[in-house]
Amino acid sequence: MKSFKGIDVSGYQGKIDWHRVKKAGVEFAILKVIRKDLNSDKQFENNWAGCLAAGVPIQGVYHYTYATNVGKAMGDARKVLEILGQDRHPFVWLDWEDKSLPTGRLAADIINAYGDVITAGGCDFGIYFGMSYYDSYLDKIMKYIKPLYQKGWEARYYNGYKLEMRIADPVNTDKKPANFDGKMFGWQYTSMGRVDGIGGYVDLNQWFVDIEAAAGGVSEENVSYQLSDFIKESRGIWNVPATASAKEIVNKTVTVGTSRNRSHTIVTPLERYMKALGYYTGSIEADRGMPPVYGNGMRKAIILYQTNMVKASAKNQDGILTAGGATWRRLYGIA
């Protein structure tokens, strides 16, 4: 099984040089989104922007919870969505480990309620926990947690708190936790990590599912939603006949991005095609009866398309489909 190496960070790490982090070999990052006082983590926006600028995939955000009842959990989840805003839909991890938390059936009810709010907001959801905590408490309530939310990110520091590890150091996979009953997404294997660009220690992780926009996509000839499907679906959106030439279609295009026409109907087939190529891992809003949203996930997908397919120069890898521009021309087969 292919795995990826990455980090999770918070305001504790202070200001991070994400370009150096990327160069050091970090393949993804998970960012703390919210503090105990329900304000945004002090470095969240800086970390989000830094990851985008350096090309470090954001694999998700996490929230260390103190919610001891369902109402508190739902309110906290809404606050997370408020911080993320309508254009950002990352995976949201609920960090379930504080000593104040309930351990019985109420814990499952809280986790389910939190997940319901998060997924209704367009984000995926899972649980972070430590191996011993899981064995002591969570395994006894997993049958009450909705199957959709049985996605785990587990901590086990097999080197304890004594041995520093670099991102390039080999990991003893024999120590990978095997106790989780759901789908294992990631393993946080040390809190004593050292990464160039970060002062002090940082958590290191192995990830066992595809990271967002991780592999640079797949061949256009081998995708489930073909370019021809995109063109066919988009003809009706641009209101052109089946006999319209590629040039005629491109002349109908408009600028689409995070700040212009972000809910244009064309966003849905764009999402489908970018998802098929492996560049986009977010949700297809239309499949949930919601209007499309061209958010940061699609922006990153289009940047990868511009890089790998359009072969655009660095300054034109901007995540924007400019009316009549090179990205539209590539999509409609005009070199």
Protein backbone atom coordinates (compact mmCIF):
# COMPACT_ATOMS: atom_id res chain seq x y z
CA MET A 1 0.00 0.00 0.00
CA LYS A 2 1.38 3.40 -0.97
CA SER A 3 1.56 5.86 1.91
CA PHE A 4 2.43 9.51 2.24
CA LYS A 5 4.34 11.43 4.88
CA GLY A 6 3.05 14.66 6.32
CA ILE A 7 2.63 16.86 9.37
CA ASP A 8 -0.09 18.37 11.52
CA VAL A 9 0.47 21.85 12.88
CA SER A 10 -1.08 24.54 15.05
CA GLY A 11 -0.24 27.95 16.42
CA TYR A 12 2.19 26.15 18.71
CA GLN A 13 4.65 25.86 15.81
CA GLY A 14 4.54 29.62 15.23
CA LYS A 15 5.32 31.01 11.78
CA ILE A 16 6.20 28.26 9.31
CA ASP A 17 8.24 28.56 6.12
CA TRP A 18 6.07 26.31 3.95
CA HIS A 19 8.37 26.45 0.92
CA ARG A 20 11.19 24.96 3.03
CA VAL A 21 8.73 22.44 4.50
CA LYS A 22 7.74 21.34 1.00
CA LYS A 23 11.37 21.06 -0.07
CA ALA A 24 12.11 18.96 3.02
CA GLY A 25 9.78 16.25 1.70
CA VAL A 26 6.47 16.95 3.44
CA GLU A 27 3.69 15.62 1.21
CA PHE A 28 0.66 17.00 3.05
CA ALA A 29 -0.42 18.99 6.09
CA ILE A 30 -3.32 18.95 8.53
CA LEU A 31 -4.02 22.29 10.20
CA LYS A 32 -5.53 23.14 13.57
CA VAL A 33 -8.58 25.26 12.77
CA ILE A 34 -10.02 26.40 16.10
CA ARG A 35 -9.00 27.05 19.70
CA LYS A 36 -10.72 26.25 22.99
CA ASP A 37 -12.23 29.76 23.02
CA LEU A 38 -13.75 28.98 19.59
CA ASN A 39 -11.67 31.57 17.81
CA SER A 40 -9.57 30.63 14.82
CA ASP A 41 -6.20 29.08 15.65
CA LYS A 42 -3.66 31.90 15.69
CA GLN A 43 -1.77 30.53 12.68
CA PHE A 44 -4.63 28.87 10.79
CA GLU A 45 -5.04 31.47 8.06
CA ASN A 46 -1.28 31.88 7.68
CA ASN A 47 -0.85 28.12 7.45
CA TRP A 48 -3.68 27.74 4.96
CA ALA A 49 -2.27 30.47 2.71
CA GLY A 50 1.27 29.14 3.15
CA CYS A 51 0.28 25.65 2.07
CA LEU A 52 -1.48 26.96 -1.04
CA ALA A 53 1.47 29.16 -1.96
CA ALA A 54 4.02 26.35 -1.53
CA GLY A 55 1.89 23.61 -3.09
CA VAL A 56 1.53 21.53 0.08
CA PRO A 57 -1.79 19.67 -0.09
CA ILE A 58 -4.07 20.42 2.86
CA GLN A 59 -5.30 17.00 3.89
CA GLY A 60 -7.70 18.38 6.48
CA VAL A 61 -8.17 20.46 9.60
CA TYR A 62 -8.53 19.34 13.19
CA HIS A 63 -10.44 20.49 16.25
CA TYR A 64 -9.43 19.48 19.78
CA THR A 65 -12.84 19.19 21.41
CA TYR A 66 -14.09 19.86 24.93
CA ALA A 67 -17.74 19.22 24.04
CA THR A 68 -19.42 17.22 26.82
CA ASN A 69 -22.93 17.37 25.38
CA VAL A 70 -24.64 17.28 22.00
CA GLY A 71 -25.63 20.94 21.97
CA LYS A 72 -22.09 22.10 22.63
CA ALA A 73 -20.75 19.79 19.91
CA MET A 74 -23.20 21.10 17.31
CA GLY A 75 -22.43 24.70 18.19
CA ASP A 76 -18.69 24.08 17.99
CA ALA A 77 -19.04 22.36 14.61
CA ARG A 78 -20.98 25.35 13.26
CA LYS A 79 -18.18 27.60 14.46
CA VAL A 80 -15.63 25.49 12.57
CA LEU A 81 -17.71 25.86 9.41
CA GLU A 82 -17.94 29.59 10.01
CA ILE A 83 -14.15 29.86 10.19
CA LEU A 84 -13.75 27.79 7.04
CA GLY A 85 -16.29 29.88 5.13
CA GLN A 86 -18.28 28.82 2.11
CA ASP A 87 -15.30 28.29 -0.21
CA ARG A 88 -13.25 25.84 1.90
CA HIS A 89 -14.40 22.26 2.35
CA PRO A 90 -11.51 20.27 3.86
CA PHE A 91 -11.75 17.01 5.77
CA VAL A 92 -12.54 17.86 9.41
CA TRP A 93 -11.00 15.70 12.17
CA LEU A 94 -12.47 15.75 15.66
CA ASP A 95 -9.63 15.32 18.17
CA TRP A 96 -11.24 13.13 20.84
CA GLU A 97 -8.90 12.71 23.79
CA ASP A 98 -9.52 15.30 26.52
CA LYS A 99 -10.05 13.90 30.03
CA SER A 100 -13.23 15.94 30.43
CA LEU A 101 -15.05 14.05 27.67
CA PRO A 102 -17.69 11.39 28.36
CA THR A 103 -16.69 7.82 27.56
CA GLY A 104 -20.01 5.96 27.18
CA ARG A 105 -22.94 6.11 24.74
CA LEU A 106 -23.09 9.90 25.14
CA ALA A 107 -19.66 10.10 23.51
CA ALA A 108 -21.04 8.43 20.37
CA ASP A 109 -24.03 10.77 20.36
CA ILE A 110 -21.71 13.79 20.56
CA ILE A 111 -19.46 12.49 17.77
CA ASN A 112 -22.46 11.75 15.53
CA ALA A 113 -24.03 15.16 16.16
CA TYR A 114 -20.76 16.95 15.40
CA GLY A 115 -20.32 14.89 12.24
CA ASP A 116 -23.86 15.63 11.10
CA VAL A 117 -23.21 19.37 11.21
CA ILE A 118 -19.83 19.09 9.49
CA THR A 119 -21.05 16.88 6.65
CA ALA A 120 -24.14 19.03 6.14
CA GLY A 121 -21.67 21.88 5.61
CA GLY A 122 -20.01 20.02 2.74
CA CYS A 123 -16.96 18.58 4.54
CA ASP A 124 -15.96 14.99 5.22
CA PHE A 125 -15.53 13.94 8.85
CA GLY A 126 -13.50 11.55 10.98
CA ILE A 127 -12.08 11.01 14.48
CA TYR A 128 -8.55 11.46 15.82
CA PHE A 129 -7.55 9.47 18.93
CA GLY A 130 -4.69 7.78 20.69
CA MET A 131 -4.22 4.02 20.57
CA SER A 132 -4.54 3.43 24.32
CA TYR A 133 -7.55 5.76 24.53
CA TYR A 134 -9.25 3.80 21.78
CA ASP A 135 -8.60 0.49 23.52
CA SER A 136 -9.89 1.86 26.82
CA TYR A 137 -12.99 3.72 25.64
CA LEU A 138 -13.74 4.23 21.95
CA ASP A 139 -13.79 0.58 20.89
CA LYS A 140 -16.74 0.05 23.24
CA ILE A 141 -18.90 2.67 21.48
CA MET A 142 -17.89 2.24 17.83
CA LYS A 143 -21.08 0.29 17.13
CA TYR A 144 -23.03 3.44 18.03
CA ILE A 145 -21.01 5.75 15.78
CA LYS A 146 -22.47 6.12 12.30
CA PRO A 147 -20.56 4.04 9.72
CA LEU A 148 -19.99 7.19 7.65
CA TYR A 149 -17.97 8.64 10.55
CA GLN A 150 -15.89 5.55 11.32
CA LYS A 151 -12.80 7.07 9.76
CA GLY A 152 -9.76 7.11 11.98
CA TRP A 153 -6.55 9.04 12.41
CA GLU A 154 -4.64 7.34 15.22
CA ALA A 155 -1.67 8.33 17.37
CA ARG A 156 0.92 5.83 18.50
CA TYR A 157 4.39 7.10 19.38
CA TYR A 158 6.36 3.87 19.29
CA ASN A 159 9.58 5.76 20.04
CA GLY A 160 7.98 7.49 22.99
CA TYR A 161 9.06 11.04 23.72
CA LYS A 162 12.81 10.49 23.63
CA LEU A 163 13.87 9.94 20.02
CA GLU A 164 13.75 12.74 17.45
CA MET A 165 12.72 11.78 13.91
CA ARG A 166 13.17 13.60 10.60
CA ILE A 167 10.55 13.47 7.88
CA ALA A 168 12.92 11.34 5.76
CA ASP A 169 13.60 8.79 8.52
CA PRO A 170 12.18 5.29 7.93
CA VAL A 171 9.12 4.32 9.93
CA ASN A 172 8.76 0.93 11.60
CA THR A 173 5.49 -0.14 10.01
CA ASP A 174 5.29 -3.14 12.32
CA LYS A 175 4.30 -0.61 14.99
CA LYS A 176 1.36 0.73 12.99
CA PRO A 177 -1.84 0.48 15.09
CA ALA A 178 -4.15 -2.33 14.02
CA ASN A 179 -6.90 -1.97 16.62
CA PHE A 180 -9.30 0.41 14.86
CA ASP A 181 -12.55 -1.14 13.65
CA GLY A 182 -13.25 1.48 10.98
CA LYS A 183 -11.24 2.76 8.02
CA MET A 184 -7.73 3.81 9.00
CA PHE A 185 -6.74 7.02 7.21
CA GLY A 186 -3.57 8.03 9.02
CA TRP A 187 -1.06 7.23 11.71
CA GLN A 188 0.58 9.95 13.79
CA TYR A 189 3.79 8.11 14.67
CA THR A 190 5.74 10.74 16.60
CA SER A 191 5.40 14.13 18.23
CA MET A 192 9.18 14.57 18.17
CA GLY A 193 9.48 15.37 14.49
CA ARG A 194 11.99 17.74 12.99
CA VAL A 195 11.26 19.45 9.67
CA ASP A 196 13.23 22.21 7.99
CA GLY A 197 11.17 25.40 8.01
CA ILE A 198 9.61 24.70 11.41
CA GLY A 199 11.17 25.76 14.69
CA GLY A 200 10.81 23.13 17.40
CA TYR A 201 9.06 19.79 17.26
CA VAL A 202 6.14 18.85 15.02
CA ASP A 203 3.92 15.76 14.72
CA LEU A 204 4.80 13.41 11.85
CA ASN A 205 2.22 11.22 10.13
CA GLN A 206 1.85 8.45 7.60
CA TRP A 207 -1.27 8.58 5.44
CA PHE A 208 -2.86 5.54 3.83
CA VAL A 209 -5.44 7.09 1.51
CA ASP A 210 -4.79 9.35 -1.45
CA ILE A 211 -3.91 12.85 -0.40
CA GLU A 212 -5.67 15.77 -2.02
CA ALA A 213 -4.23 16.39 -5.47
CA ALA A 214 -1.34 14.16 -4.45
CA ALA A 215 -0.17 12.35 -7.51
CA GLY A 216 -0.52 14.90 -10.29
CA GLY A 217 -3.56 13.19 -11.78
CA VAL A 218 -4.04 10.31 -14.19
CA SER A 219 -4.06 9.98 -17.93
CA GLU A 220 -7.00 11.67 -19.62
CA GLU A 221 -7.60 8.47 -21.56
CA ASN A 222 -8.16 6.42 -18.40
CA VAL A 223 -10.74 8.44 -16.47
CA SER A 224 -14.35 7.53 -15.78
CA TYR A 225 -15.70 10.96 -16.73
CA GLN A 226 -14.06 11.64 -20.08
CA LEU A 227 -13.20 14.97 -21.65
CA SER A 228 -15.89 14.18 -24.19
CA ASP A 229 -18.40 13.92 -21.34
CA PHE A 230 -17.35 17.34 -20.08
CA ILE A 231 -17.67 18.89 -23.53
CA LYS A 232 -21.05 17.26 -24.13
CA GLU A 233 -22.43 18.42 -20.77
CA SER A 234 -21.05 21.92 -21.20
CA ARG A 235 -22.59 22.53 -24.64
CA GLY A 236 -26.00 22.94 -23.04
CA ILE A 237 -24.57 25.30 -20.43
CA TRP A 238 -23.01 27.53 -23.10
CA ASN A 239 -26.16 27.18 -25.23
CA VAL A 240 -24.35 26.10 -28.37
CA PRO A 241 -25.54 23.48 -30.90
CA ALA A 242 -23.99 20.06 -31.18
CA THR A 243 -22.31 21.17 -34.39
CA ALA A 244 -20.53 24.16 -32.75
CA SER A 245 -16.77 24.19 -33.21
CA ALA A 246 -14.33 24.29 -30.31
CA LYS A 247 -13.52 27.90 -31.13
CA GLU A 248 -17.22 28.84 -31.01
CA ILE A 249 -17.55 27.20 -27.60
CA VAL A 250 -14.45 28.92 -26.20
CA ASN A 251 -15.83 32.27 -27.36
CA LYS A 252 -18.84 31.64 -25.08
CA THR A 253 -16.76 30.98 -21.95
CA VAL A 254 -16.63 33.30 -18.95
CA THR A 255 -14.04 33.81 -16.24
CA VAL A 256 -14.52 31.34 -13.40
CA GLY A 257 -12.62 31.38 -10.09
CA THR A 258 -12.99 31.75 -6.34
CA SER A 259 -14.12 35.36 -6.71
CA ARG A 260 -15.90 35.40 -10.07
CA ASN A 261 -18.73 33.14 -11.26
CA ARG A 262 -17.91 30.66 -8.48
CA SER A 263 -21.44 29.23 -8.58
CA HIS A 264 -21.76 29.20 -12.38
CA THR A 265 -23.42 26.05 -13.72
CA ILE A 266 -20.22 25.11 -15.55
CA VAL A 267 -18.54 24.46 -12.18
CA THR A 268 -20.35 21.12 -11.81
CA PRO A 269 -18.93 19.45 -14.95
CA LEU A 270 -15.56 21.05 -14.16
CA GLU A 271 -15.66 19.39 -10.72
CA ARG A 272 -16.58 16.05 -12.27
CA TYR A 273 -13.75 16.17 -14.79
CA MET A 274 -11.12 17.38 -12.32
CA LYS A 275 -12.24 14.69 -9.87
CA ALA A 276 -11.92 12.03 -12.57
CA LEU A 277 -8.39 13.24 -13.34
CA GLY A 278 -7.46 12.97 -9.67
CA TYR A 279 -6.92 16.68 -9.14
CA TYR A 280 -10.08 17.39 -7.13
CA THR A 281 -11.16 15.41 -4.07
CA GLY A 282 -13.91 17.65 -2.76
CA SER A 283 -17.65 17.10 -3.00
CA ILE A 284 -19.85 17.54 -6.07
CA GLU A 285 -22.41 19.91 -4.62
CA ALA A 286 -24.97 19.16 -7.34
CA ASP A 287 -25.07 15.52 -6.23
CA ARG A 288 -26.33 16.75 -2.84
CA GLY A 289 -28.92 19.07 -4.32
CA MET A 290 -26.82 22.16 -3.64
CA PRO A 291 -25.52 24.89 -5.99
CA PRO A 292 -21.92 24.42 -7.12
CA VAL A 293 -19.11 26.24 -5.32
CA TYR A 294 -15.74 26.93 -6.92
CA GLY A 295 -13.71 26.91 -3.72
CA ASN A 296 -10.07 26.41 -2.82
CA GLY A 297 -10.21 22.71 -3.60
CA MET A 298 -11.15 23.47 -7.20
CA ARG A 299 -8.62 26.28 -7.35
CA LYS A 300 -5.87 23.81 -6.45
CA ALA A 301 -7.25 21.31 -8.97
CA ILE A 302 -7.18 23.85 -11.79
CA ILE A 303 -3.65 24.90 -10.82
CA LEU A 304 -2.58 21.26 -11.22
CA TYR A 305 -4.44 21.04 -14.55
CA GLN A 306 -2.74 24.23 -15.72
CA THR A 307 0.62 22.84 -14.62
CA ASN A 308 0.33 19.32 -16.03
CA MET A 309 -2.05 19.65 -18.98
CA VAL A 310 -1.92 23.27 -20.13
CA LYS A 311 1.82 23.49 -19.44
CA ALA A 312 1.24 27.06 -18.33
CA SER A 313 4.06 29.26 -17.10
CA ALA A 314 4.39 29.70 -13.34
CA LYS A 315 2.69 33.10 -13.37
CA ASN A 316 -0.30 31.63 -15.23
CA GLN A 317 -0.78 28.72 -12.82
CA ASP A 318 -3.36 30.80 -10.97
CA GLY A 319 -6.36 28.51 -10.59
CA ILE A 320 -8.53 30.83 -12.68
CA LEU A 321 -10.29 29.91 -15.92
CA THR A 322 -10.05 33.21 -17.78
CA ALA A 323 -12.72 33.78 -20.45
CA GLY A 324 -11.37 32.54 -23.77
CA GLY A 325 -8.02 31.77 -22.13
CA ALA A 326 -5.53 28.94 -22.40
CA THR A 327 -7.21 26.69 -19.80
CA TRP A 328 -10.55 26.79 -21.61
CA ARG A 329 -8.79 26.26 -24.94
CA ARG A 330 -7.02 23.17 -23.57
CA LEU A 331 -10.32 21.81 -22.24
CA TYR A 332 -11.96 22.21 -25.64
CA GLY A 333 -9.06 20.80 -27.61
CA ILE A 334 -7.47 23.96 -28.96
CA ALA A 335 -3.70 23.80 -28.64
